[in-house]
Structures are given as structure tokens and as C-alpha cells.
Amino acid sequence: MRSYVYRPKGVCSRQITVELDDQDVITRVEFLGGCSGNTQGVAKLALGRKAQEVISLISGIRCGAKDTSCPAQLSLALREALEK
């Protein structure tokens, strides 16, 4: 099990913590800050899926006029976690 902490940029959440097992399956996602219902929903939907699958599903999602969103920032966190 490996854990990774990411500092999102351009969104309301201040930190994303992800845990991956040895086969890159997501076992934990925790957002600090952001829209509680939305971040909890995204986190639960990601659990049990391969990181690469989640990245492909949520990469590039925008929040209103912003160029990014909490889900898009989670995809960046997962990419960095996979690279480590």
C-alpha cells in the first residue's frame, strides 16, 4: 500500500490524499476542503478502481468558469502517485 499527498491548484480543496495497492487500485481518497458532497461522491466512486481508469474518466473536468475542478485535480494526484 502506498500513500500520496497532493496539493491541488485552482480549486477549493486544499489537499488530496490517495492510497493505492500494489496493482494501482485505489483504496482510499480523502479531500481536505472543497464541496463536501461532491468530493465525498468522487472519492467513493474512485474506490476499488484502477488509478488509470479513474484518470481517464475525470481528467479535464471543469468547475464553472475554472479551467479545472476537484475531480480533475484528483486525476493529477493519481498521475503523480503512479509516477512515484
PDB file of N, CA and C in Angstrom:
ATOM      1  N   MET A   1       0.850  -1.169   0.000  1.00  0.00           N
ATOM      2  CA  MET A   1       0.000   0.000   0.000  1.00  0.00           C
ATOM      3  C   MET A   1       0.900   1.237   0.000  1.00  0.00           C
ATOM      4  N   ARG A   2       0.588   2.173  -0.879  1.00  0.00           N
ATOM      5  CA  ARG A   2       1.351   3.415  -0.870  1.00  0.00           C
ATOM      6  C   ARG A   2       0.403   4.599  -0.813  1.00  0.00           C
ATOM      7  N   SER A   3       0.824   5.608  -0.086  1.00  0.00           N
ATOM      8  CA  SER A   3       0.015   6.792   0.130  1.00  0.00           C
ATOM      9  C   SER A   3       0.694   7.991  -0.518  1.00  0.00           C
ATOM     10  N   TYR A   4      -0.119   8.905  -1.060  1.00  0.00           N
ATOM     11  CA  TYR A   4       0.417  10.088  -1.724  1.00  0.00           C
ATOM     12  C   TYR A   4      -0.448  11.291  -1.350  1.00  0.00           C
ATOM     13  N   VAL A   5       0.203  12.394  -1.009  1.00  0.00           N
ATOM     14  CA  VAL A   5      -0.492  13.633  -0.663  1.00  0.00           C
ATOM     15  C   VAL A   5      -0.229  14.649  -1.769  1.00  0.00           C
ATOM     16  N   TYR A   6      -1.297  15.257  -2.254  1.00  0.00           N
ATOM     17  CA  TYR A   6      -1.221  16.206  -3.368  1.00  0.00           C
ATOM     18  C   TYR A   6      -1.847  17.530  -2.948  1.00  0.00           C
ATOM     19  N   ARG A   7      -1.234  18.619  -3.345  1.00  0.00           N
ATOM     20  CA  ARG A   7      -1.760  19.966  -3.089  1.00  0.00           C
ATOM     21  C   ARG A   7      -2.411  20.493  -4.367  1.00  0.00           C
ATOM     22  N   PRO A   8      -3.742  20.497  -4.428  1.00  0.00           N
ATOM     23  CA  PRO A   8      -4.433  20.945  -5.637  1.00  0.00           C
ATOM     24  C   PRO A   8      -4.231  22.441  -5.898  1.00  0.00           C
ATOM     25  N   LYS A   9      -4.389  22.804  -7.148  1.00  0.00           N
ATOM     26  CA  LYS A   9      -4.248  24.202  -7.568  1.00  0.00           C
ATOM     27  C   LYS A   9      -5.515  24.635  -8.305  1.00  0.00           C
ATOM     28  N   GLY A  10      -5.996  25.848  -7.994  1.00  0.00           N
ATOM     29  CA  GLY A  10      -7.126  26.414  -8.718  1.00  0.00           C
ATOM     30  C   GLY A  10      -8.499  25.924  -8.294  1.00  0.00           C
ATOM     31  N   VAL A  11      -8.580  25.219  -7.160  1.00  0.00           N
ATOM     32  CA  VAL A  11      -9.864  24.702  -6.677  1.00  0.00           C
ATOM     33  C   VAL A  11     -10.012  24.998  -5.181  1.00  0.00           C
ATOM     34  N   CYS A  12     -11.171  24.710  -4.648  1.00  0.00           N
ATOM     35  CA  CYS A  12     -11.445  24.976  -3.231  1.00  0.00           C
ATOM     36  C   CYS A  12     -10.765  23.986  -2.288  1.00  0.00           C
ATOM     37  N   SER A  13     -10.598  22.746  -2.700  1.00  0.00           N
ATOM     38  CA  SER A  13      -9.940  21.777  -1.820  1.00  0.00           C
ATOM     39  C   SER A  13      -8.459  22.136  -1.666  1.00  0.00           C
ATOM     40  N   ARG A  14      -7.938  21.859  -0.468  1.00  0.00           N
ATOM     41  CA  ARG A  14      -6.563  22.233  -0.149  1.00  0.00           C
ATOM     42  C   ARG A  14      -5.589  21.059  -0.185  1.00  0.00           C
ATOM     43  N   GLN A  15      -6.118  19.857  -0.117  1.00  0.00           N
ATOM     44  CA  GLN A  15      -5.251  18.678  -0.102  1.00  0.00           C
ATOM     45  C   GLN A  15      -6.052  17.458  -0.539  1.00  0.00           C
ATOM     46  N   ILE A  16      -5.381  16.570  -1.266  1.00  0.00           N
ATOM     47  CA  ILE A  16      -5.973  15.287  -1.651  1.00  0.00           C
ATOM     48  C   ILE A  16      -4.986  14.195  -1.236  1.00  0.00           C
ATOM     49  N   THR A  17      -5.475  13.228  -0.484  1.00  0.00           N
ATOM     50  CA  THR A  17      -4.666  12.081  -0.101  1.00  0.00           C
ATOM     51  C   THR A  17      -5.224  10.856  -0.811  1.00  0.00           C
ATOM     52  N   VAL A  18      -4.342  10.113  -1.493  1.00  0.00           N
ATOM     53  CA  VAL A  18      -4.763   8.884  -2.171  1.00  0.00           C
ATOM     54  C   VAL A  18      -3.893   7.730  -1.700  1.00  0.00           C
ATOM     55  N   GLU A  19      -4.481   6.560  -1.644  1.00  0.00           N
ATOM     56  CA  GLU A  19      -3.743   5.336  -1.361  1.00  0.00           C
ATOM     57  C   GLU A  19      -4.014   4.340  -2.474  1.00  0.00           C
ATOM     58  N   LEU A  20      -2.945   3.705  -2.934  1.00  0.00           N
ATOM     59  CA  LEU A  20      -3.022   2.696  -3.993  1.00  0.00           C
ATOM     60  C   LEU A  20      -2.429   1.395  -3.482  1.00  0.00           C
ATOM     61  N   ASP A  21      -3.010   0.275  -3.916  1.00  0.00           N
ATOM     62  CA  ASP A  21      -2.405  -1.006  -3.567  1.00  0.00           C
ATOM     63  C   ASP A  21      -1.320  -1.348  -4.588  1.00  0.00           C
ATOM     64  N   ASP A  22      -0.764  -2.523  -4.496  1.00  0.00           N
ATOM     65  CA  ASP A  22       0.353  -2.918  -5.355  1.00  0.00           C
ATOM     66  C   ASP A  22      -0.029  -3.063  -6.822  1.00  0.00           C
ATOM     67  N   GLN A  23      -1.324  -3.126  -7.118  1.00  0.00           N
ATOM     68  CA  GLN A  23      -1.780  -3.228  -8.503  1.00  0.00           C
ATOM     69  C   GLN A  23      -2.423  -1.922  -8.993  1.00  0.00           C
ATOM     70  N   ASP A  24      -2.104  -0.825  -8.299  1.00  0.00           N
ATOM     71  CA  ASP A  24      -2.596   0.513  -8.655  1.00  0.00           C
ATOM     72  C   ASP A  24      -4.107   0.652  -8.533  1.00  0.00           C
ATOM     73  N   VAL A  25      -4.717  -0.131  -7.655  1.00  0.00           N
ATOM     74  CA  VAL A  25      -6.137   0.000  -7.356  1.00  0.00           C
ATOM     75  C   VAL A  25      -6.270   1.002  -6.207  1.00  0.00           C
ATOM     76  N   ILE A  26      -7.215   1.918  -6.332  1.00  0.00           N
ATOM     77  CA  ILE A  26      -7.411   2.959  -5.336  1.00  0.00           C
ATOM     78  C   ILE A  26      -8.114   2.375  -4.112  1.00  0.00           C
ATOM     79  N   THR A  27      -7.492   2.530  -2.948  1.00  0.00           N
ATOM     80  CA  THR A  27      -8.063   2.004  -1.711  1.00  0.00           C
ATOM     81  C   THR A  27      -8.547   3.114  -0.784  1.00  0.00           C
ATOM     82  N   ARG A  28      -8.120   4.352  -1.055  1.00  0.00           N
ATOM     83  CA  ARG A  28      -8.553   5.489  -0.226  1.00  0.00           C
ATOM     84  C   ARG A  28      -8.378   6.782  -1.001  1.00  0.00           C
ATOM     85  N   VAL A  29      -9.373   7.670  -0.896  1.00  0.00           N
ATOM     86  CA  VAL A  29      -9.288   9.033  -1.417  1.00  0.00           C
ATOM     87  C   VAL A  29      -9.886   9.936  -0.355  1.00  0.00           C
ATOM     88  N   GLU A  30      -9.151  10.974   0.019  1.00  0.00           N
ATOM     89  CA  GLU A  30      -9.652  11.924   1.001  1.00  0.00           C
ATOM     90  C   GLU A  30      -9.331  13.343   0.554  1.00  0.00           C
ATOM     91  N   PHE A  31     -10.354  14.166   0.457  1.00  0.00           N
ATOM     92  CA  PHE A  31     -10.196  15.582   0.126  1.00  0.00           C
ATOM     93  C   PHE A  31     -10.255  16.385   1.411  1.00  0.00           C
ATOM     94  N   LEU A  32      -9.408  17.384   1.514  1.00  0.00           N
ATOM     95  CA  LEU A  32      -9.478  18.349   2.605  1.00  0.00           C
ATOM     96  C   LEU A  32      -9.977  19.651   2.007  1.00  0.00           C
ATOM     97  N   GLY A  33     -11.170  20.067   2.402  1.00  0.00           N
ATOM     98  CA  GLY A  33     -11.794  21.253   1.820  1.00  0.00           C
ATOM     99  C   GLY A  33     -12.573  20.883   0.573  1.00  0.00           C
ATOM    100  N   GLY A  34     -13.105  21.894  -0.080  1.00  0.00           N
ATOM    101  CA  GLY A  34     -13.917  21.669  -1.274  1.00  0.00           C
ATOM    102  C   GLY A  34     -15.372  21.452  -0.915  1.00  0.00           C
ATOM    103  N   CYS A  35     -16.176  21.200  -1.911  1.00  0.00           N
ATOM    104  CA  CYS A  35     -17.615  20.956  -1.712  1.00  0.00           C
ATOM    105  C   CYS A  35     -17.783  19.539  -1.164  1.00  0.00           C
ATOM    106  N   SER A  36     -18.156  19.441   0.083  1.00  0.00           N
ATOM    107  CA  SER A  36     -18.143  18.162   0.798  1.00  0.00           C
ATOM    108  C   SER A  36     -18.889  17.043   0.076  1.00  0.00           C
ATOM    109  N   GLY A  37     -20.103  17.305  -0.350  1.00  0.00           N
ATOM    110  CA  GLY A  37     -20.883  16.258  -1.019  1.00  0.00           C
ATOM    111  C   GLY A  37     -20.237  15.798  -2.311  1.00  0.00           C
ATOM    112  N   ASN A  38     -19.758  16.743  -3.098  1.00  0.00           N
ATOM    113  CA  ASN A  38     -19.128  16.393  -4.376  1.00  0.00           C
ATOM    114  C   ASN A  38     -17.829  15.622  -4.175  1.00  0.00           C
ATOM    115  N   THR A  39     -16.981  16.098  -3.262  1.00  0.00           N
ATOM    116  CA  THR A  39     -15.697  15.419  -3.071  1.00  0.00           C
ATOM    117  C   THR A  39     -15.890  14.034  -2.450  1.00  0.00           C
ATOM    118  N   GLN A  40     -16.873  13.898  -1.559  1.00  0.00           N
ATOM    119  CA  GLN A  40     -17.158  12.572  -0.996  1.00  0.00           C
ATOM    120  C   GLN A  40     -17.655  11.622  -2.080  1.00  0.00           C
ATOM    121  N   GLY A  41     -18.505  12.131  -2.965  1.00  0.00           N
ATOM    122  CA  GLY A  41     -19.021  11.305  -4.052  1.00  0.00           C
ATOM    123  C   GLY A  41     -17.936  10.856  -5.001  1.00  0.00           C
ATOM    124  N   VAL A  42     -17.077  11.776  -5.408  1.00  0.00           N
ATOM    125  CA  VAL A  42     -15.971  11.436  -6.308  1.00  0.00           C
ATOM    126  C   VAL A  42     -15.055  10.418  -5.643  1.00  0.00           C
ATOM    127  N   ALA A  43     -14.771  10.634  -4.360  1.00  0.00           N
ATOM    128  CA  ALA A  43     -13.890   9.714  -3.634  1.00  0.00           C
ATOM    129  C   ALA A  43     -14.481   8.305  -3.598  1.00  0.00           C
ATOM    130  N   LYS A  44     -15.759   8.185  -3.291  1.00  0.00           N
ATOM    131  CA  LYS A  44     -16.393   6.852  -3.221  1.00  0.00           C
ATOM    132  C   LYS A  44     -16.439   6.171  -4.579  1.00  0.00           C
ATOM    133  N   LEU A  45     -16.712   6.942  -5.625  1.00  0.00           N
ATOM    134  CA  LEU A  45     -16.767   6.352  -6.965  1.00  0.00           C
ATOM    135  C   LEU A  45     -15.397   5.856  -7.429  1.00  0.00           C
ATOM    136  N   ALA A  46     -14.331   6.454  -6.909  1.00  0.00           N
ATOM    137  CA  ALA A  46     -12.979   6.049  -7.305  1.00  0.00           C
ATOM    138  C   ALA A  46     -12.522   4.766  -6.609  1.00  0.00           C
ATOM    139  N   LEU A  47     -13.049   4.486  -5.433  1.00  0.00           N
ATOM    140  CA  LEU A  47     -12.593   3.332  -4.653  1.00  0.00           C
ATOM    141  C   LEU A  47     -12.771   2.020  -5.415  1.00  0.00           C
ATOM    142  N   GLY A  48     -11.746   1.183  -5.354  1.00  0.00           N
ATOM    143  CA  GLY A  48     -11.806  -0.133  -5.978  1.00  0.00           C
ATOM    144  C   GLY A  48     -11.506  -0.145  -7.460  1.00  0.00           C
ATOM    145  N   ARG A  49     -11.264   1.020  -8.045  1.00  0.00           N
ATOM    146  CA  ARG A  49     -10.944   1.099  -9.477  1.00  0.00           C
ATOM    147  C   ARG A  49      -9.441   1.296  -9.662  1.00  0.00           C
ATOM    148  N   LYS A  50      -8.972   0.890 -10.816  1.00  0.00           N
ATOM    149  CA  LYS A  50      -7.582   1.155 -11.186  1.00  0.00           C
ATOM    150  C   LYS A  50      -7.388   2.662 -11.355  1.00  0.00           C
ATOM    151  N   ALA A  51      -6.258   3.155 -10.905  1.00  0.00           N
ATOM    152  CA  ALA A  51      -5.977   4.583 -10.990  1.00  0.00           C
ATOM    153  C   ALA A  51      -6.076   5.086 -12.427  1.00  0.00           C
ATOM    154  N   GLN A  52      -5.547   4.339 -13.374  1.00  0.00           N
ATOM    155  CA  GLN A  52      -5.567   4.776 -14.773  1.00  0.00           C
ATOM    156  C   GLN A  52      -6.993   4.911 -15.306  1.00  0.00           C
ATOM    157  N   GLU A  53      -7.878   4.033 -14.887  1.00  0.00           N
ATOM    158  CA  GLU A  53      -9.282   4.112 -15.304  1.00  0.00           C
ATOM    159  C   GLU A  53      -9.923   5.405 -14.790  1.00  0.00           C
ATOM    160  N   VAL A  54      -9.688   5.719 -13.522  1.00  0.00           N
ATOM    161  CA  VAL A  54     -10.253   6.933 -12.934  1.00  0.00           C
ATOM    162  C   VAL A  54      -9.670   8.169 -13.606  1.00  0.00           C
ATOM    163  N   ILE A  55      -8.372   8.160 -13.877  1.00  0.00           N
ATOM    164  CA  ILE A  55      -7.733   9.287 -14.566  1.00  0.00           C
ATOM    165  C   ILE A  55      -8.436   9.548 -15.893  1.00  0.00           C
ATOM    166  N   SER A  56      -8.687   8.498 -16.659  1.00  0.00           N
ATOM    167  CA  SER A  56      -9.312   8.684 -17.974  1.00  0.00           C
ATOM    168  C   SER A  56     -10.751   9.188 -17.861  1.00  0.00           C
ATOM    169  N   LEU A  57     -11.427   8.864 -16.774  1.00  0.00           N
ATOM    170  CA  LEU A  57     -12.817   9.291 -16.588  1.00  0.00           C
ATOM    171  C   LEU A  57     -12.947  10.749 -16.147  1.00  0.00           C
ATOM    172  N   ILE A  58     -12.019  11.241 -15.324  1.00  0.00           N
ATOM    173  CA  ILE A  58     -12.220  12.554 -14.702  1.00  0.00           C
ATOM    174  C   ILE A  58     -11.225  13.622 -15.142  1.00  0.00           C
ATOM    175  N   SER A  59     -10.249  13.268 -15.917  1.00  0.00           N
ATOM    176  CA  SER A  59      -9.281  14.247 -16.403  1.00  0.00           C
ATOM    177  C   SER A  59      -9.969  15.301 -17.259  1.00  0.00           C
ATOM    178  N   GLY A  60      -9.642  16.558 -17.020  1.00  0.00           N
ATOM    179  CA  GLY A  60     -10.173  17.638 -17.847  1.00  0.00           C
ATOM    180  C   GLY A  60     -11.535  18.175 -17.442  1.00  0.00           C
ATOM    181  N   ILE A  61     -12.144  17.636 -16.386  1.00  0.00           N
ATOM    182  CA  ILE A  61     -13.429  18.162 -15.923  1.00  0.00           C
ATOM    183  C   ILE A  61     -13.217  19.579 -15.391  1.00  0.00           C
ATOM    184  N   ARG A  62     -14.147  20.458 -15.747  1.00  0.00           N
ATOM    185  CA  ARG A  62     -14.066  21.854 -15.316  1.00  0.00           C
ATOM    186  C   ARG A  62     -15.134  22.136 -14.261  1.00  0.00           C
ATOM    187  N   CYS A  63     -14.887  23.153 -13.452  1.00  0.00           N
ATOM    188  CA  CYS A  63     -15.848  23.605 -12.445  1.00  0.00           C
ATOM    189  C   CYS A  63     -16.251  25.032 -12.798  1.00  0.00           C
ATOM    190  N   GLY A  64     -17.438  25.177 -13.358  1.00  0.00           N
ATOM    191  CA  GLY A  64     -17.886  26.505 -13.778  1.00  0.00           C
ATOM    192  C   GLY A  64     -16.928  27.101 -14.788  1.00  0.00           C
ATOM    193  N   ALA A  65     -16.487  28.327 -14.534  1.00  0.00           N
ATOM    194  CA  ALA A  65     -15.569  29.022 -15.440  1.00  0.00           C
ATOM    195  C   ALA A  65     -14.106  28.644 -15.203  1.00  0.00           C
ATOM    196  N   LYS A  66     -13.848  27.863 -14.169  1.00  0.00           N
ATOM    197  CA  LYS A  66     -12.466  27.460 -13.870  1.00  0.00           C
ATOM    198  C   LYS A  66     -11.974  26.459 -14.911  1.00  0.00           C
ATOM    199  N   ASP A  67     -10.683  26.459 -15.149  1.00  0.00           N
ATOM    200  CA  ASP A  67     -10.084  25.514 -16.095  1.00  0.00           C
ATOM    201  C   ASP A  67      -9.911  24.123 -15.493  1.00  0.00           C
ATOM    202  N   THR A  68     -10.198  23.963 -14.216  1.00  0.00           N
ATOM    203  CA  THR A  68     -10.001  22.697 -13.535  1.00  0.00           C
ATOM    204  C   THR A  68     -11.138  22.468 -12.549  1.00  0.00           C
ATOM    205  N   SER A  69     -11.062  21.374 -11.809  1.00  0.00           N
ATOM    206  CA  SER A  69     -12.077  21.022 -10.805  1.00  0.00           C
ATOM    207  C   SER A  69     -11.428  20.079  -9.800  1.00  0.00           C
ATOM    208  N   CYS A  70     -12.133  19.796  -8.718  1.00  0.00           N
ATOM    209  CA  CYS A  70     -11.604  18.826  -7.759  1.00  0.00           C
ATOM    210  C   CYS A  70     -11.406  17.443  -8.396  1.00  0.00           C
ATOM    211  N   PRO A  71     -12.355  16.946  -9.222  1.00  0.00           N
ATOM    212  CA  PRO A  71     -12.098  15.678  -9.895  1.00  0.00           C
ATOM    213  C   PRO A  71     -10.864  15.731 -10.808  1.00  0.00           C
ATOM    214  N   ALA A  72     -10.705  16.817 -11.562  1.00  0.00           N
ATOM    215  CA  ALA A  72      -9.532  16.944 -12.438  1.00  0.00           C
ATOM    216  C   ALA A  72      -8.255  16.975 -11.618  1.00  0.00           C
ATOM    217  N   GLN A  73      -8.293  17.632 -10.466  1.00  0.00           N
ATOM    218  CA  GLN A  73      -7.119  17.661  -9.597  1.00  0.00           C
ATOM    219  C   GLN A  73      -6.832  16.271  -9.025  1.00  0.00           C
ATOM    220  N   LEU A  74      -7.875  15.494  -8.750  1.00  0.00           N
ATOM    221  CA  LEU A  74      -7.668  14.108  -8.316  1.00  0.00           C
ATOM    222  C   LEU A  74      -6.964  13.325  -9.415  1.00  0.00           C
ATOM    223  N   SER A  75      -7.316  13.558 -10.666  1.00  0.00           N
ATOM    224  CA  SER A  75      -6.641  12.842 -11.762  1.00  0.00           C
ATOM    225  C   SER A  75      -5.161  13.191 -11.794  1.00  0.00           C
ATOM    226  N   LEU A  76      -4.826  14.447 -11.516  1.00  0.00           N
ATOM    227  CA  LEU A  76      -3.406  14.848 -11.467  1.00  0.00           C
ATOM    228  C   LEU A  76      -2.699  14.205 -10.274  1.00  0.00           C
ATOM    229  N   ALA A  77      -3.398  14.133  -9.148  1.00  0.00           N
ATOM    230  CA  ALA A  77      -2.820  13.481  -7.969  1.00  0.00           C
ATOM    231  C   ALA A  77      -2.528  12.008  -8.257  1.00  0.00           C
ATOM    232  N   LEU A  78      -3.470  11.350  -8.928  1.00  0.00           N
ATOM    233  CA  LEU A  78      -3.278   9.932  -9.259  1.00  0.00           C
ATOM    234  C   LEU A  78      -2.121   9.740 -10.238  1.00  0.00           C
ATOM    235  N   ARG A  79      -2.011  10.630 -11.216  1.00  0.00           N
ATOM    236  CA  ARG A  79      -0.875  10.541 -12.150  1.00  0.00           C
ATOM    237  C   ARG A  79       0.450  10.638 -11.432  1.00  0.00           C
ATOM    238  N   GLU A  80       0.542  11.622 -10.539  1.00  0.00           N
ATOM    239  CA  GLU A  80       1.789  11.789  -9.795  1.00  0.00           C
ATOM    240  C   GLU A  80       2.046  10.581  -8.879  1.00  0.00           C
ATOM    241  N   ALA A  81       0.997  10.058  -8.265  1.00  0.00           N
ATOM    242  CA  ALA A  81       1.161   8.880  -7.406  1.00  0.00           C
ATOM    243  C   ALA A  81       1.679   7.687  -8.213  1.00  0.00           C
ATOM    244  N   LEU A  82       1.194   7.513  -9.428  1.00  0.00           N
ATOM    245  CA  LEU A  82       1.657   6.419 -10.281  1.00  0.00           C
ATOM    246  C   LEU A  82       3.122   6.592 -10.685  1.00  0.00           C
ATOM    247  N   GLU A  83       3.560   7.829 -10.833  1.00  0.00           N
ATOM    248  CA  GLU A  83       4.941   8.099 -11.229  1.00  0.00           C
ATOM    249  C   GLU A  83       5.931   7.882 -10.102  1.00  0.00           C
ATOM    250  N   LYS A  84       5.461   7.938  -8.864  1.00  0.00           N
ATOM    251  CA  LYS A  84       6.354   7.798  -7.695  1.00  0.00           C
ATOM    252  C   LYS A  84       6.739   6.366  -7.457  1.00  0.00           C
TER     253      LYS A  84
END
